[in-house]
Amino acid sequence: TVSGWESGWQKFKRQHSIDWRWKDVRAKALTDVSRERGRDAAQALAAHASGTTTEVYIRARDRVIVQPVK
């Protein structure tokens, strides 16, 4: 059942100190698609009727690319 799966998931998260939600994974995926292919592609992937909804999921931070320390 849905409630059984949810309670199992919550227990697993507690046992393994996981501090994220499925919504976070969706936001990461939509942010990556938006950066690589544009907001319209992210909106299509999410099947959102409105770009405003997609904007809620897209993370607004700029990427900073750094070189590894040698």
C-alpha atoms as a PDB file:
ATOM      1  CA  THR A   1       0.000   0.000   0.000  1.00  0.00           C
ATOM      2  CA  VAL A   2       0.987   3.622  -0.338  1.00  0.00           C
ATOM      3  CA  SER A   3       1.020   4.164   3.423  1.00  0.00           C
ATOM      4  CA  GLY A   4       3.127   1.027   3.928  1.00  0.00           C
ATOM      5  CA  TRP A   5       5.655   2.171   1.354  1.00  0.00           C
ATOM      6  CA  GLU A   6       5.740   5.643   2.885  1.00  0.00           C
ATOM      7  CA  SER A   7       6.338   4.348   6.418  1.00  0.00           C
ATOM      8  CA  GLY A   8       9.097   2.053   5.129  1.00  0.00           C
ATOM      9  CA  TRP A   9      10.699   4.939   3.267  1.00  0.00           C
ATOM     10  CA  GLN A  10      10.581   7.150   6.366  1.00  0.00           C
ATOM     11  CA  LYS A  11      12.219   4.401   8.441  1.00  0.00           C
ATOM     12  CA  PHE A  12      14.936   3.915   5.812  1.00  0.00           C
ATOM     13  CA  LYS A  13      15.621   7.672   5.759  1.00  0.00           C
ATOM     14  CA  ARG A  14      15.999   7.773   9.539  1.00  0.00           C
ATOM     15  CA  GLN A  15      18.319   4.753   9.599  1.00  0.00           C
ATOM     16  CA  HIS A  16      20.582   6.153   6.891  1.00  0.00           C
ATOM     17  CA  SER A  17      20.425   9.856   7.796  1.00  0.00           C
ATOM     18  CA  ILE A  18      18.889  10.792   4.457  1.00  0.00           C
ATOM     19  CA  ASP A  19      17.680  14.376   4.411  1.00  0.00           C
ATOM     20  CA  TRP A  20      16.010  14.800   1.011  1.00  0.00           C
ATOM     21  CA  ARG A  21      12.658  14.249  -0.621  1.00  0.00           C
ATOM     22  CA  TRP A  22      11.670  12.913  -4.034  1.00  0.00           C
ATOM     23  CA  LYS A  23      10.748  16.481  -4.948  1.00  0.00           C
ATOM     24  CA  ASP A  24      14.439  17.367  -4.527  1.00  0.00           C
ATOM     25  CA  VAL A  25      15.430  14.758  -7.128  1.00  0.00           C
ATOM     26  CA  ARG A  26      12.838  16.148  -9.547  1.00  0.00           C
ATOM     27  CA  ALA A  27      14.140  19.678  -8.944  1.00  0.00           C
ATOM     28  CA  LYS A  28      17.719  18.564  -9.635  1.00  0.00           C
ATOM     29  CA  ALA A  29      16.724  16.857 -12.882  1.00  0.00           C
ATOM     30  CA  LEU A  30      14.687  19.838 -14.098  1.00  0.00           C
ATOM     31  CA  THR A  31      17.471  22.251 -13.144  1.00  0.00           C
ATOM     32  CA  ASP A  32      20.021  20.229 -15.111  1.00  0.00           C
ATOM     33  CA  VAL A  33      17.764  20.033 -18.175  1.00  0.00           C
ATOM     34  CA  SER A  34      17.012  23.747 -17.951  1.00  0.00           C
ATOM     35  CA  ARG A  35      20.721  24.608 -17.847  1.00  0.00           C
ATOM     36  CA  GLU A  36      21.612  22.308 -20.732  1.00  0.00           C
ATOM     37  CA  ARG A  37      18.581  22.704 -23.024  1.00  0.00           C
ATOM     38  CA  GLY A  38      16.539  25.630 -21.719  1.00  0.00           C
ATOM     39  CA  ARG A  39      13.463  26.154 -19.612  1.00  0.00           C
ATOM     40  CA  ASP A  40      11.054  25.034 -22.329  1.00  0.00           C
ATOM     41  CA  ALA A  41      12.732  21.608 -22.426  1.00  0.00           C
ATOM     42  CA  ALA A  42      12.473  21.332 -18.645  1.00  0.00           C
ATOM     43  CA  GLN A  43       8.809  22.329 -18.790  1.00  0.00           C
ATOM     44  CA  ALA A  44       8.129  19.670 -21.436  1.00  0.00           C
ATOM     45  CA  LEU A  45       9.940  17.001 -19.398  1.00  0.00           C
ATOM     46  CA  ALA A  46       7.912  17.884 -16.313  1.00  0.00           C
ATOM     47  CA  ALA A  47       4.659  18.014 -18.309  1.00  0.00           C
ATOM     48  CA  HIS A  48       3.818  21.363 -16.731  1.00  0.00           C
ATOM     49  CA  ALA A  49       1.147  23.398 -18.489  1.00  0.00           C
ATOM     50  CA  SER A  50       2.684  26.587 -17.117  1.00  0.00           C
ATOM     51  CA  GLY A  51       6.294  27.721 -17.136  1.00  0.00           C
ATOM     52  CA  THR A  52       5.630  29.321 -13.770  1.00  0.00           C
ATOM     53  CA  THR A  53       5.232  25.873 -12.241  1.00  0.00           C
ATOM     54  CA  THR A  54       8.515  24.751 -13.775  1.00  0.00           C
ATOM     55  CA  GLU A  55      10.258  27.795 -12.316  1.00  0.00           C
ATOM     56  CA  VAL A  56       9.316  26.571  -8.825  1.00  0.00           C
ATOM     57  CA  TYR A  57      11.409  23.451  -9.400  1.00  0.00           C
ATOM     58  CA  ILE A  58      14.392  25.020 -11.151  1.00  0.00           C
ATOM     59  CA  ARG A  59      17.149  26.000  -8.759  1.00  0.00           C
ATOM     60  CA  ALA A  60      18.172  29.618  -9.295  1.00  0.00           C
ATOM     61  CA  ARG A  61      21.803  29.275  -8.247  1.00  0.00           C
ATOM     62  CA  ASP A  62      24.527  29.839 -10.795  1.00  0.00           C
ATOM     63  CA  ARG A  63      27.010  27.049 -11.303  1.00  0.00           C
ATOM     64  CA  VAL A  64      30.548  27.716 -10.280  1.00  0.00           C
ATOM     65  CA  ILE A  65      33.063  25.473 -11.992  1.00  0.00           C
ATOM     66  CA  VAL A  66      36.276  25.098 -10.042  1.00  0.00           C
ATOM     67  CA  GLN A  67      39.510  23.264 -10.662  1.00  0.00           C
ATOM     68  CA  PRO A  68      40.477  20.507  -8.227  1.00  0.00           C
ATOM     69  CA  VAL A  69      43.166  21.272  -5.682  1.00  0.00           C
ATOM     70  CA  LYS A  70      46.465  19.624  -6.570  1.00  0.00           C
END
